[in-house]
């Protein structure tokens, strides 16, 4: 992913935010393509509640979570 012409890594950003196994719950407003939702679900011990207004994108992230056996992601279309 590029931001301002520079590459960024979601895992690095999540680490900078101190997301780790001590975190019990996260809410991801506007989950988009799951750029942060999927990696965050792999490092926290609780659930991620993720929403977006685009139902097809929410469904795609839910599908990706299932493919990766990530059972701590709850997706919602608004």
N, C-alpha and C. Protein backbone atom coordinates (compact mmCIF):
# COMPACT_ATOMS: atom_id res chain seq x y z
N UNK A 1 0.84 -1.16 0.00
CA UNK A 1 0.00 0.00 0.00
C UNK A 1 0.89 1.23 0.00
N UNK A 2 0.50 2.25 -0.76
CA UNK A 2 1.26 3.50 -0.80
C UNK A 2 0.45 4.61 -0.15
N UNK A 3 1.12 5.38 0.68
CA UNK A 3 0.55 6.59 1.25
C UNK A 3 1.54 7.70 0.98
N UNK A 4 1.07 8.76 0.33
CA UNK A 4 1.93 9.88 -0.04
C UNK A 4 3.17 9.43 -0.82
N UNK A 5 2.98 8.44 -1.69
CA UNK A 5 4.08 7.98 -2.53
C UNK A 5 5.05 7.05 -1.84
N UNK A 6 4.82 6.76 -0.57
CA UNK A 6 5.71 5.88 0.18
C UNK A 6 4.96 4.60 0.54
N UNK A 7 5.68 3.49 0.54
CA UNK A 7 5.07 2.23 0.93
C UNK A 7 4.92 2.17 2.44
N UNK A 8 3.81 1.62 2.88
CA UNK A 8 3.62 1.39 4.31
C UNK A 8 3.14 -0.03 4.50
N UNK A 9 3.45 -0.58 5.62
CA UNK A 9 3.06 -1.93 5.95
C UNK A 9 2.04 -1.88 7.08
N UNK A 10 0.85 -2.46 6.89
CA UNK A 10 -0.15 -2.45 7.95
C UNK A 10 0.37 -3.01 9.27
N UNK A 11 1.15 -4.07 9.21
CA UNK A 11 1.69 -4.67 10.43
C UNK A 11 2.56 -3.68 11.21
N UNK A 12 3.35 -2.90 10.48
CA UNK A 12 4.21 -1.91 11.12
C UNK A 12 3.37 -0.81 11.77
N UNK A 13 2.34 -0.37 11.08
CA UNK A 13 1.46 0.66 11.63
C UNK A 13 0.75 0.14 12.87
N UNK A 14 0.25 -1.09 12.82
CA UNK A 14 -0.42 -1.68 13.97
C UNK A 14 0.53 -1.81 15.15
N UNK A 15 1.77 -2.16 14.88
CA UNK A 15 2.78 -2.26 15.93
C UNK A 15 3.03 -0.89 16.55
N UNK A 16 3.11 0.14 15.72
CA UNK A 16 3.30 1.50 16.20
C UNK A 16 2.14 1.93 17.09
N UNK A 17 0.95 1.41 16.79
CA UNK A 17 -0.24 1.71 17.59
C UNK A 17 -0.32 0.83 18.83
N UNK A 18 0.66 -0.02 19.03
CA UNK A 18 0.74 -0.92 20.18
C UNK A 18 -0.39 -1.95 20.21
N UNK A 19 -0.84 -2.38 19.04
CA UNK A 19 -1.81 -3.46 18.98
C UNK A 19 -1.05 -4.76 19.18
N UNK A 20 -1.44 -5.51 20.21
CA UNK A 20 -0.77 -6.78 20.49
C UNK A 20 -1.74 -7.74 21.17
N UNK A 21 -1.22 -8.85 21.67
CA UNK A 21 -2.05 -9.90 22.25
C UNK A 21 -2.75 -9.47 23.55
N UNK A 22 -2.43 -8.30 24.08
CA UNK A 22 -3.10 -7.80 25.27
C UNK A 22 -4.42 -7.09 24.95
N UNK A 23 -4.65 -6.80 23.69
CA UNK A 23 -5.85 -6.08 23.28
C UNK A 23 -7.03 -7.06 23.19
N UNK A 24 -8.12 -6.69 23.85
CA UNK A 24 -9.28 -7.57 23.91
C UNK A 24 -10.30 -7.26 22.83
N UNK A 25 -10.45 -6.02 22.44
CA UNK A 25 -11.44 -5.67 21.43
C UNK A 25 -11.04 -4.47 20.62
N UNK A 26 -11.40 -4.51 19.34
CA UNK A 26 -11.09 -3.42 18.41
C UNK A 26 -12.32 -3.18 17.55
N UNK A 27 -12.60 -1.91 17.26
CA UNK A 27 -13.66 -1.58 16.31
C UNK A 27 -13.01 -0.88 15.13
N UNK A 28 -13.22 -1.43 13.93
CA UNK A 28 -12.65 -0.87 12.71
C UNK A 28 -13.77 -0.22 11.91
N UNK A 29 -13.85 1.11 11.98
CA UNK A 29 -14.86 1.85 11.22
C UNK A 29 -14.37 2.01 9.78
N UNK A 30 -15.17 1.59 8.84
CA UNK A 30 -14.79 1.71 7.43
C UNK A 30 -13.67 0.75 7.08
N UNK A 31 -13.96 -0.53 7.20
CA UNK A 31 -12.91 -1.56 7.07
C UNK A 31 -12.30 -1.65 5.68
N UNK A 32 -12.97 -1.08 4.67
CA UNK A 32 -12.40 -1.13 3.32
C UNK A 32 -12.13 -2.56 2.89
N UNK A 33 -10.95 -2.81 2.39
CA UNK A 33 -10.60 -4.15 1.91
C UNK A 33 -10.00 -5.03 2.99
N UNK A 34 -10.06 -4.58 4.24
CA UNK A 34 -9.51 -5.36 5.34
C UNK A 34 -8.01 -5.19 5.51
N UNK A 35 -7.49 -4.11 4.96
CA UNK A 35 -6.05 -3.86 4.99
C UNK A 35 -5.49 -3.90 6.41
N UNK A 36 -6.25 -3.39 7.36
CA UNK A 36 -5.82 -3.41 8.75
C UNK A 36 -6.59 -4.45 9.56
N UNK A 37 -7.81 -4.75 9.15
CA UNK A 37 -8.65 -5.70 9.89
C UNK A 37 -8.01 -7.08 9.96
N UNK A 38 -7.60 -7.59 8.82
CA UNK A 38 -7.04 -8.95 8.76
C UNK A 38 -5.74 -9.05 9.58
N UNK A 39 -4.75 -8.17 9.36
CA UNK A 39 -3.54 -8.27 10.16
C UNK A 39 -3.78 -8.05 11.66
N UNK A 40 -4.68 -7.12 12.00
CA UNK A 40 -4.95 -6.86 13.42
C UNK A 40 -5.55 -8.09 14.10
N UNK A 41 -6.41 -8.80 13.37
CA UNK A 41 -7.05 -9.98 13.96
C UNK A 41 -6.04 -11.06 14.31
N UNK A 42 -4.90 -11.01 13.67
CA UNK A 42 -3.86 -12.03 13.91
C UNK A 42 -3.01 -11.72 15.13
N UNK A 43 -3.10 -10.50 15.65
CA UNK A 43 -2.24 -10.13 16.78
C UNK A 43 -3.00 -9.85 18.08
N UNK A 44 -4.31 -9.59 18.01
CA UNK A 44 -5.03 -9.34 19.25
C UNK A 44 -5.64 -10.63 19.77
N UNK A 45 -6.00 -10.65 21.06
CA UNK A 45 -6.58 -11.86 21.61
C UNK A 45 -8.10 -11.83 21.60
N UNK A 46 -8.68 -10.67 21.35
CA UNK A 46 -10.12 -10.54 21.36
C UNK A 46 -10.70 -10.47 19.96
N UNK A 47 -11.85 -9.83 19.86
CA UNK A 47 -12.55 -9.70 18.58
C UNK A 47 -12.33 -8.34 17.95
N UNK A 48 -12.47 -8.35 16.63
CA UNK A 48 -12.50 -7.11 15.87
C UNK A 48 -13.90 -6.98 15.30
N UNK A 49 -14.52 -5.85 15.59
CA UNK A 49 -15.83 -5.53 15.04
C UNK A 49 -15.58 -4.53 13.93
N UNK A 50 -15.87 -4.93 12.71
CA UNK A 50 -15.51 -4.13 11.55
C UNK A 50 -16.75 -3.81 10.72
N UNK A 51 -16.88 -2.54 10.36
CA UNK A 51 -18.04 -2.16 9.56
C UNK A 51 -17.64 -1.32 8.36
N UNK A 52 -18.56 -1.27 7.42
CA UNK A 52 -18.40 -0.44 6.23
C UNK A 52 -19.79 -0.23 5.63
N UNK A 53 -19.93 0.78 4.81
CA UNK A 53 -21.23 1.04 4.18
C UNK A 53 -21.42 0.20 2.91
N UNK A 54 -20.33 -0.35 2.40
CA UNK A 54 -20.39 -1.13 1.16
C UNK A 54 -20.51 -2.62 1.49
N UNK A 55 -21.71 -3.16 1.33
CA UNK A 55 -21.97 -4.55 1.71
C UNK A 55 -21.09 -5.55 0.97
N UNK A 56 -20.80 -5.31 -0.30
CA UNK A 56 -19.97 -6.26 -1.06
C UNK A 56 -18.55 -6.32 -0.49
N UNK A 57 -18.03 -5.20 -0.02
CA UNK A 57 -16.69 -5.18 0.57
C UNK A 57 -16.71 -5.90 1.91
N UNK A 58 -17.75 -5.66 2.70
CA UNK A 58 -17.88 -6.36 3.98
C UNK A 58 -17.93 -7.87 3.75
N UNK A 59 -18.69 -8.28 2.76
CA UNK A 59 -18.78 -9.71 2.46
C UNK A 59 -17.44 -10.28 2.02
N UNK A 60 -16.68 -9.52 1.26
CA UNK A 60 -15.36 -9.99 0.80
C UNK A 60 -14.40 -10.15 1.97
N UNK A 61 -14.42 -9.21 2.90
CA UNK A 61 -13.54 -9.32 4.07
C UNK A 61 -13.96 -10.51 4.92
N UNK A 62 -15.25 -10.71 5.09
CA UNK A 62 -15.73 -11.87 5.84
C UNK A 62 -15.28 -13.17 5.16
N UNK A 63 -15.31 -13.19 3.83
CA UNK A 63 -14.85 -14.37 3.08
C UNK A 63 -13.36 -14.59 3.31
N UNK A 64 -12.57 -13.52 3.22
CA UNK A 64 -11.12 -13.63 3.45
C UNK A 64 -10.84 -14.14 4.86
N UNK A 65 -11.59 -13.63 5.84
CA UNK A 65 -11.40 -14.07 7.22
C UNK A 65 -11.68 -15.57 7.33
N UNK A 66 -12.72 -16.03 6.66
CA UNK A 66 -13.03 -17.46 6.66
C UNK A 66 -11.95 -18.29 6.00
N UNK A 67 -11.43 -17.80 4.88
CA UNK A 67 -10.37 -18.51 4.16
C UNK A 67 -9.11 -18.64 5.01
N UNK A 68 -8.87 -17.65 5.88
CA UNK A 68 -7.68 -17.65 6.72
C UNK A 68 -7.97 -18.18 8.13
N UNK A 69 -9.18 -18.75 8.31
CA UNK A 69 -9.58 -19.31 9.60
C UNK A 69 -9.47 -18.30 10.75
N UNK A 70 -9.85 -17.07 10.48
CA UNK A 70 -9.83 -16.02 11.49
C UNK A 70 -11.24 -15.88 12.05
N UNK A 71 -11.48 -16.46 13.20
CA UNK A 71 -12.82 -16.45 13.76
C UNK A 71 -13.09 -15.32 14.74
N UNK A 72 -12.17 -14.37 14.81
CA UNK A 72 -12.36 -13.25 15.74
C UNK A 72 -12.74 -11.95 15.04
N UNK A 73 -13.22 -12.05 13.81
CA UNK A 73 -13.66 -10.87 13.06
C UNK A 73 -15.17 -10.92 12.88
N UNK A 74 -15.85 -9.88 13.38
CA UNK A 74 -17.29 -9.73 13.19
C UNK A 74 -17.50 -8.57 12.22
N UNK A 75 -18.04 -8.85 11.04
CA UNK A 75 -18.25 -7.80 10.06
C UNK A 75 -19.71 -7.36 10.04
N UNK A 76 -19.92 -6.08 9.73
CA UNK A 76 -21.26 -5.52 9.66
C UNK A 76 -21.33 -4.53 8.52
N UNK A 77 -22.40 -4.64 7.73
CA UNK A 77 -22.67 -3.64 6.69
C UNK A 77 -23.64 -2.63 7.28
N UNK A 78 -23.34 -1.37 7.12
CA UNK A 78 -24.22 -0.32 7.67
C UNK A 78 -25.20 0.17 6.65
